[in-house]
Amino acid sequence: MIGKLEEARTVTSVAAEFGSNKSVVSRAWKAFQTTGTAVRKVNSGRLRANTAGNDRYIILQVKRGRQQSASVIAQQL
């Protein structure tokens, strides 16, 4: 898309060629102009420090009455 727009094609014609909405092309073009890239990172929120399995293990160890704190167990993992 970006290459077509750099060739001075219209947003409407590029959107028709790719079968997408004009707003998608326009947003990609605007992102390219401001950041230098139109590639978006797939991001679904904050990265987790522990996996779900590690979380269950930490909780189990604390419930069993281990003397170590949850943060110490998390660091060991």
PDB file of N, CA and C in Angstrom:
ATOM      1  N   MET A   1       0.815  -1.193   0.000  1.00  0.00           N
ATOM      2  CA  MET A   1       0.000   0.000   0.000  1.00  0.00           C
ATOM      3  C   MET A   1       0.857   1.255   0.000  1.00  0.00           C
ATOM      4  N   ILE A   2       1.870   1.239   0.858  1.00  0.00           N
ATOM      5  CA  ILE A   2       2.700   2.426   0.991  1.00  0.00           C
ATOM      6  C   ILE A   2       3.416   2.723  -0.324  1.00  0.00           C
ATOM      7  N   GLY A   3       3.891   1.695  -0.983  1.00  0.00           N
ATOM      8  CA  GLY A   3       4.571   1.878  -2.257  1.00  0.00           C
ATOM      9  C   GLY A   3       3.660   2.503  -3.299  1.00  0.00           C
ATOM     10  N   LYS A   4       2.414   2.064  -3.317  1.00  0.00           N
ATOM     11  CA  LYS A   4       1.455   2.629  -4.270  1.00  0.00           C
ATOM     12  C   LYS A   4       1.187   4.099  -3.956  1.00  0.00           C
ATOM     13  N   LEU A   5       1.076   4.423  -2.681  1.00  0.00           N
ATOM     14  CA  LEU A   5       0.839   5.814  -2.297  1.00  0.00           C
ATOM     15  C   LEU A   5       2.053   6.687  -2.588  1.00  0.00           C
ATOM     16  N   GLU A   6       3.248   6.113  -2.456  1.00  0.00           N
ATOM     17  CA  GLU A   6       4.455   6.874  -2.789  1.00  0.00           C
ATOM     18  C   GLU A   6       4.543   7.153  -4.289  1.00  0.00           C
ATOM     19  N   GLU A   7       3.862   6.339  -5.087  1.00  0.00           N
ATOM     20  CA  GLU A   7       3.802   6.579  -6.529  1.00  0.00           C
ATOM     21  C   GLU A   7       2.760   7.637  -6.884  1.00  0.00           C
ATOM     22  N   ALA A   8       2.254   8.331  -5.912  1.00  0.00           N
ATOM     23  CA  ALA A   8       1.265   9.407  -6.068  1.00  0.00           C
ATOM     24  C   ALA A   8      -0.104   8.895  -6.502  1.00  0.00           C
ATOM     25  N   ARG A   9      -0.421   7.661  -6.104  1.00  0.00           N
ATOM     26  CA  ARG A   9      -1.759   7.153  -6.356  1.00  0.00           C
ATOM     27  C   ARG A   9      -2.683   7.650  -5.250  1.00  0.00           C
ATOM     28  N   THR A  10      -3.974   7.670  -5.518  1.00  0.00           N
ATOM     29  CA  THR A  10      -4.919   8.153  -4.517  1.00  0.00           C
ATOM     30  C   THR A  10      -5.235   7.052  -3.509  1.00  0.00           C
ATOM     31  N   VAL A  11      -5.645   7.486  -2.334  1.00  0.00           N
ATOM     32  CA  VAL A  11      -6.024   6.550  -1.284  1.00  0.00           C
ATOM     33  C   VAL A  11      -7.187   5.684  -1.758  1.00  0.00           C
ATOM     34  N   THR A  12      -8.122   6.287  -2.470  1.00  0.00           N
ATOM     35  CA  THR A  12      -9.290   5.554  -2.957  1.00  0.00           C
ATOM     36  C   THR A  12      -8.895   4.441  -3.916  1.00  0.00           C
ATOM     37  N   SER A  13      -7.989   4.739  -4.845  1.00  0.00           N
ATOM     38  CA  SER A  13      -7.586   3.720  -5.813  1.00  0.00           C
ATOM     39  C   SER A  13      -6.786   2.598  -5.160  1.00  0.00           C
ATOM     40  N   VAL A  14      -5.956   2.942  -4.189  1.00  0.00           N
ATOM     41  CA  VAL A  14      -5.175   1.924  -3.479  1.00  0.00           C
ATOM     42  C   VAL A  14      -6.102   1.037  -2.653  1.00  0.00           C
ATOM     43  N   ALA A  15      -7.081   1.642  -1.990  1.00  0.00           N
ATOM     44  CA  ALA A  15      -8.027   0.872  -1.194  1.00  0.00           C
ATOM     45  C   ALA A  15      -8.827  -0.078  -2.082  1.00  0.00           C
ATOM     46  N   ALA A  16      -9.228   0.386  -3.259  1.00  0.00           N
ATOM     47  CA  ALA A  16      -9.979  -0.464  -4.181  1.00  0.00           C
ATOM     48  C   ALA A  16      -9.118  -1.624  -4.672  1.00  0.00           C
ATOM     49  N   GLU A  17      -7.864  -1.360  -4.943  1.00  0.00           N
ATOM     50  CA  GLU A  17      -6.962  -2.408  -5.434  1.00  0.00           C
ATOM     51  C   GLU A  17      -6.740  -3.500  -4.391  1.00  0.00           C
ATOM     52  N   PHE A  18      -6.615  -3.105  -3.124  1.00  0.00           N
ATOM     53  CA  PHE A  18      -6.369  -4.073  -2.062  1.00  0.00           C
ATOM     54  C   PHE A  18      -7.661  -4.606  -1.446  1.00  0.00           C
ATOM     55  N   GLY A  19      -8.778  -4.059  -1.846  1.00  0.00           N
ATOM     56  CA  GLY A  19     -10.056  -4.523  -1.313  1.00  0.00           C
ATOM     57  C   GLY A  19     -10.263  -4.177   0.145  1.00  0.00           C
ATOM     58  N   SER A  20      -9.737  -3.045   0.550  1.00  0.00           N
ATOM     59  CA  SER A  20      -9.901  -2.621   1.940  1.00  0.00           C
ATOM     60  C   SER A  20     -10.568  -1.257   1.986  1.00  0.00           C
ATOM     61  N   ASN A  21     -10.846  -0.826   3.184  1.00  0.00           N
ATOM     62  CA  ASN A  21     -11.510   0.450   3.397  1.00  0.00           C
ATOM     63  C   ASN A  21     -10.508   1.594   3.239  1.00  0.00           C
ATOM     64  N   LYS A  22     -11.002   2.754   2.824  1.00  0.00           N
ATOM     65  CA  LYS A  22     -10.131   3.919   2.656  1.00  0.00           C
ATOM     66  C   LYS A  22      -9.487   4.330   3.974  1.00  0.00           C
ATOM     67  N   SER A  23     -10.202   4.155   5.069  1.00  0.00           N
ATOM     68  CA  SER A  23      -9.655   4.569   6.360  1.00  0.00           C
ATOM     69  C   SER A  23      -8.441   3.724   6.752  1.00  0.00           C
ATOM     70  N   VAL A  24      -8.438   2.451   6.356  1.00  0.00           N
ATOM     71  CA  VAL A  24      -7.295   1.581   6.665  1.00  0.00           C
ATOM     72  C   VAL A  24      -6.059   2.073   5.930  1.00  0.00           C
ATOM     73  N   VAL A  25      -6.228   2.378   4.654  1.00  0.00           N
ATOM     74  CA  VAL A  25      -5.113   2.872   3.849  1.00  0.00           C
ATOM     75  C   VAL A  25      -4.646   4.220   4.371  1.00  0.00           C
ATOM     76  N   SER A  26      -5.585   5.078   4.714  1.00  0.00           N
ATOM     77  CA  SER A  26      -5.244   6.401   5.201  1.00  0.00           C
ATOM     78  C   SER A  26      -4.473   6.335   6.516  1.00  0.00           C
ATOM     79  N   ARG A  27      -4.914   5.463   7.424  1.00  0.00           N
ATOM     80  CA  ARG A  27      -4.218   5.325   8.705  1.00  0.00           C
ATOM     81  C   ARG A  27      -2.818   4.755   8.519  1.00  0.00           C
ATOM     82  N   ALA A  28      -2.671   3.780   7.609  1.00  0.00           N
ATOM     83  CA  ALA A  28      -1.349   3.210   7.336  1.00  0.00           C
ATOM     84  C   ALA A  28      -0.420   4.265   6.751  1.00  0.00           C
ATOM     85  N   TRP A  29      -0.945   5.077   5.850  1.00  0.00           N
ATOM     86  CA  TRP A  29      -0.145   6.143   5.234  1.00  0.00           C
ATOM     87  C   TRP A  29       0.277   7.175   6.269  1.00  0.00           C
ATOM     88  N   LYS A  30      -0.658   7.543   7.144  1.00  0.00           N
ATOM     89  CA  LYS A  30      -0.349   8.530   8.187  1.00  0.00           C
ATOM     90  C   LYS A  30       0.699   7.973   9.150  1.00  0.00           C
ATOM     91  N   ALA A  31       0.576   6.696   9.513  1.00  0.00           N
ATOM     92  CA  ALA A  31       1.557   6.067  10.397  1.00  0.00           C
ATOM     93  C   ALA A  31       2.919   6.017   9.737  1.00  0.00           C
ATOM     94  N   PHE A  32       2.950   5.736   8.450  1.00  0.00           N
ATOM     95  CA  PHE A  32       4.219   5.685   7.729  1.00  0.00           C
ATOM     96  C   PHE A  32       4.881   7.051   7.694  1.00  0.00           C
ATOM     97  N   GLN A  33       4.094   8.083   7.489  1.00  0.00           N
ATOM     98  CA  GLN A  33       4.652   9.430   7.417  1.00  0.00           C
ATOM     99  C   GLN A  33       5.201   9.901   8.758  1.00  0.00           C
ATOM    100  N   THR A  34       4.573   9.489   9.853  1.00  0.00           N
ATOM    101  CA  THR A  34       5.029   9.953  11.162  1.00  0.00           C
ATOM    102  C   THR A  34       6.139   9.090  11.745  1.00  0.00           C
ATOM    103  N   THR A  35       6.072   7.784  11.551  1.00  0.00           N
ATOM    104  CA  THR A  35       7.041   6.891  12.190  1.00  0.00           C
ATOM    105  C   THR A  35       8.078   6.325  11.240  1.00  0.00           C
ATOM    106  N   GLY A  36       7.818   6.399   9.945  1.00  0.00           N
ATOM    107  CA  GLY A  36       8.748   5.828   8.980  1.00  0.00           C
ATOM    108  C   GLY A  36       8.469   4.371   8.679  1.00  0.00           C
ATOM    109  N   THR A  37       7.504   3.785   9.351  1.00  0.00           N
ATOM    110  CA  THR A  37       7.122   2.406   9.094  1.00  0.00           C
ATOM    111  C   THR A  37       5.617   2.270   9.296  1.00  0.00           C
ATOM    112  N   ALA A  38       5.020   1.379   8.547  1.00  0.00           N
ATOM    113  CA  ALA A  38       3.583   1.148   8.691  1.00  0.00           C
ATOM    114  C   ALA A  38       3.306  -0.200   9.331  1.00  0.00           C
ATOM    115  N   VAL A  39       4.367  -0.883   9.757  1.00  0.00           N
ATOM    116  CA  VAL A  39       4.212  -2.198  10.363  1.00  0.00           C
ATOM    117  C   VAL A  39       3.794  -2.018  11.809  1.00  0.00           C
ATOM    118  N   ARG A  40       2.731  -2.721  12.187  1.00  0.00           N
ATOM    119  CA  ARG A  40       2.276  -2.666  13.562  1.00  0.00           C
ATOM    120  C   ARG A  40       2.722  -3.904  14.294  1.00  0.00           C
ATOM    121  N   LYS A  41       3.139  -3.726  15.517  1.00  0.00           N
ATOM    122  CA  LYS A  41       3.454  -4.865  16.353  1.00  0.00           C
ATOM    123  C   LYS A  41       2.153  -5.405  16.930  1.00  0.00           C
ATOM    124  N   VAL A  42       2.041  -6.700  16.915  1.00  0.00           N
ATOM    125  CA  VAL A  42       0.877  -7.307  17.544  1.00  0.00           C
ATOM    126  C   VAL A  42       1.125  -7.278  19.040  1.00  0.00           C
ATOM    127  N   ASN A  43       0.245  -6.639  19.745  1.00  0.00           N
ATOM    128  CA  ASN A  43       0.441  -6.476  21.167  1.00  0.00           C
ATOM    129  C   ASN A  43      -0.882  -6.678  21.862  1.00  0.00           C
ATOM    130  N   SER A  44      -0.899  -7.561  22.829  1.00  0.00           N
ATOM    131  CA  SER A  44      -2.151  -7.829  23.519  1.00  0.00           C
ATOM    132  C   SER A  44      -2.068  -7.424  24.979  1.00  0.00           C
ATOM    133  N   GLY A  45      -1.313  -6.409  25.257  1.00  0.00           N
ATOM    134  CA  GLY A  45      -1.240  -5.924  26.627  1.00  0.00           C
ATOM    135  C   GLY A  45       0.142  -6.101  27.224  1.00  0.00           C
ATOM    136  N   ARG A  46       0.199  -5.979  28.521  1.00  0.00           N
ATOM    137  CA  ARG A  46       1.460  -6.039  29.242  1.00  0.00           C
ATOM    138  C   ARG A  46       2.020  -7.448  29.217  1.00  0.00           C
ATOM    139  N   LEU A  47       3.337  -7.560  29.052  1.00  0.00           N
ATOM    140  CA  LEU A  47       3.974  -8.860  29.070  1.00  0.00           C
ATOM    141  C   LEU A  47       3.928  -9.441  30.465  1.00  0.00           C
ATOM    142  N   ARG A  48       3.722 -10.743  30.533  1.00  0.00           N
ATOM    143  CA  ARG A  48       3.674 -11.411  31.823  1.00  0.00           C
ATOM    144  C   ARG A  48       5.071 -11.801  32.265  1.00  0.00           C
ATOM    145  N   ALA A  49       5.336 -11.648  33.562  1.00  0.00           N
ATOM    146  CA  ALA A  49       6.619 -12.067  34.112  1.00  0.00           C
ATOM    147  C   ALA A  49       6.610 -13.571  34.360  1.00  0.00           C
ATOM    148  N   ASN A  50       5.459 -14.118  34.718  1.00  0.00           N
ATOM    149  CA  ASN A  50       5.316 -15.545  35.001  1.00  0.00           C
ATOM    150  C   ASN A  50       4.286 -16.152  34.071  1.00  0.00           C
ATOM    151  N   THR A  51       4.439 -17.431  33.825  1.00  0.00           N
ATOM    152  CA  THR A  51       3.407 -18.141  33.074  1.00  0.00           C
ATOM    153  C   THR A  51       2.285 -18.508  34.042  1.00  0.00           C
ATOM    154  N   ALA A  52       1.177 -18.941  33.498  1.00  0.00           N
ATOM    155  CA  ALA A  52       0.054 -19.353  34.355  1.00  0.00           C
ATOM    156  C   ALA A  52       0.461 -20.543  35.220  1.00  0.00           C
ATOM    157  N   GLY A  53       1.265 -21.435  34.671  1.00  0.00           N
ATOM    158  CA  GLY A  53       1.735 -22.591  35.445  1.00  0.00           C
ATOM    159  C   GLY A  53       2.622 -22.166  36.600  1.00  0.00           C
ATOM    160  N   ASN A  54       3.494 -21.192  36.358  1.00  0.00           N
ATOM    161  CA  ASN A  54       4.341 -20.680  37.438  1.00  0.00           C
ATOM    162  C   ASN A  54       3.504 -20.028  38.532  1.00  0.00           C
ATOM    163  N   ASP A  55       2.465 -19.306  38.130  1.00  0.00           N
ATOM    164  CA  ASP A  55       1.579 -18.683  39.115  1.00  0.00           C
ATOM    165  C   ASP A  55       0.931 -19.740  40.001  1.00  0.00           C
ATOM    166  N   ARG A  56       0.457 -20.818  39.386  1.00  0.00           N
ATOM    167  CA  ARG A  56      -0.182 -21.891  40.173  1.00  0.00           C
ATOM    168  C   ARG A  56       0.822 -22.527  41.124  1.00  0.00           C
ATOM    169  N   TYR A  57       2.056 -22.723  40.682  1.00  0.00           N
ATOM    170  CA  TYR A  57       3.093 -23.312  41.523  1.00  0.00           C
ATOM    171  C   TYR A  57       3.409 -22.415  42.708  1.00  0.00           C
ATOM    172  N   ILE A  58       3.522 -21.124  42.464  1.00  0.00           N
ATOM    173  CA  ILE A  58       3.815 -20.169  43.539  1.00  0.00           C
ATOM    174  C   ILE A  58       2.711 -20.201  44.583  1.00  0.00           C
ATOM    175  N   ILE A  59       1.465 -20.166  44.122  1.00  0.00           N
ATOM    176  CA  ILE A  59       0.333 -20.185  45.051  1.00  0.00           C
ATOM    177  C   ILE A  59       0.315 -21.475  45.853  1.00  0.00           C
ATOM    178  N   LEU A  60       0.578 -22.607  45.194  1.00  0.00           N
ATOM    179  CA  LEU A  60       0.597 -23.892  45.877  1.00  0.00           C
ATOM    180  C   LEU A  60       1.683 -23.925  46.939  1.00  0.00           C
ATOM    181  N   GLN A  61       2.877 -23.420  46.620  1.00  0.00           N
ATOM    182  CA  GLN A  61       3.983 -23.417  47.575  1.00  0.00           C
ATOM    183  C   GLN A  61       3.668 -22.539  48.784  1.00  0.00           C
ATOM    184  N   VAL A  62       3.044 -21.393  48.554  1.00  0.00           N
ATOM    185  CA  VAL A  62       2.696 -20.501  49.660  1.00  0.00           C
ATOM    186  C   VAL A  62       1.607 -21.129  50.520  1.00  0.00           C
ATOM    187  N   LYS A  63       0.628 -21.781  49.884  1.00  0.00           N
ATOM    188  CA  LYS A  63      -0.444 -22.426  50.648  1.00  0.00           C
ATOM    189  C   LYS A  63       0.084 -23.583  51.486  1.00  0.00           C
ATOM    190  N   ARG A  64       1.095 -24.262  51.008  1.00  0.00           N
ATOM    191  CA  ARG A  64       1.671 -25.383  51.747  1.00  0.00           C
ATOM    192  C   ARG A  64       2.469 -24.910  52.951  1.00  0.00           C
ATOM    193  N   GLY A  65       2.650 -23.606  53.078  1.00  0.00           N
ATOM    194  CA  GLY A  65       3.308 -23.063  54.255  1.00  0.00           C
ATOM    195  C   GLY A  65       4.812 -23.020  54.149  1.00  0.00           C
ATOM    196  N   ARG A  66       5.325 -22.988  52.943  1.00  0.00           N
ATOM    197  CA  ARG A  66       6.773 -22.850  52.797  1.00  0.00           C
ATOM    198  C   ARG A  66       7.212 -21.554  53.456  1.00  0.00           C
ATOM    199  N   GLN A  67       8.417 -21.560  53.956  1.00  0.00           N
ATOM    200  CA  GLN A  67       8.933 -20.384  54.640  1.00  0.00           C
ATOM    201  C   GLN A  67       9.325 -19.281  53.666  1.00  0.00           C
ATOM    202  N   GLN A  68       9.521 -19.634  52.418  1.00  0.00           N
ATOM    203  CA  GLN A  68       9.920 -18.644  51.446  1.00  0.00           C
ATOM    204  C   GLN A  68       8.711 -17.798  51.041  1.00  0.00           C
ATOM    205  N   SER A  69       8.961 -16.567  50.736  1.00  0.00           N
ATOM    206  CA  SER A  69       7.879 -15.703  50.265  1.00  0.00           C
ATOM    207  C   SER A  69       7.598 -15.986  48.792  1.00  0.00           C
ATOM    208  N   ALA A  70       6.497 -15.501  48.316  1.00  0.00           N
ATOM    209  CA  ALA A  70       6.107 -15.696  46.918  1.00  0.00           C
ATOM    210  C   ALA A  70       7.125 -15.073  45.974  1.00  0.00           C
ATOM    211  N   SER A  71       7.700 -13.934  46.351  1.00  0.00           N
ATOM    212  CA  SER A  71       8.675 -13.286  45.464  1.00  0.00           C
ATOM    213  C   SER A  71       9.959 -14.097  45.352  1.00  0.00           C
ATOM    214  N   VAL A  72      10.360 -14.766  46.434  1.00  0.00           N
ATOM    215  CA  VAL A  72      11.549 -15.601  46.391  1.00  0.00           C
ATOM    216  C   VAL A  72      11.322 -16.800  45.490  1.00  0.00           C
ATOM    217  N   ILE A  73      10.149 -17.414  45.603  1.00  0.00           N
ATOM    218  CA  ILE A  73       9.815 -18.557  44.750  1.00  0.00           C
ATOM    219  C   ILE A  73       9.763 -18.117  43.288  1.00  0.00           C
ATOM    220  N   ALA A  74       9.189 -16.936  43.038  1.00  0.00           N
ATOM    221  CA  ALA A  74       9.109 -16.426  41.673  1.00  0.00           C
ATOM    222  C   ALA A  74      10.500 -16.194  41.095  1.00  0.00           C
ATOM    223  N   GLN A  75      11.417 -15.706  41.916  1.00  0.00           N
ATOM    224  CA  GLN A  75      12.796 -15.481  41.433  1.00  0.00           C
ATOM    225  C   GLN A  75      13.496 -16.796  41.127  1.00  0.00           C
ATOM    226  N   GLN A  76      13.184 -17.849  41.882  1.00  0.00           N
ATOM    227  CA  GLN A  76      13.793 -19.149  41.632  1.00  0.00           C
ATOM    228  C   GLN A  76      13.339 -19.729  40.306  1.00  0.00           C
ATOM    229  N   LEU A  77      12.121 -19.402  39.918  1.00  0.00           N
ATOM    230  CA  LEU A  77      11.612 -19.905  38.653  1.00  0.00           C
ATOM    231  C   LEU A  77      12.275 -19.192  37.509  1.00  0.00           C
TER     232      LEU A  77
END
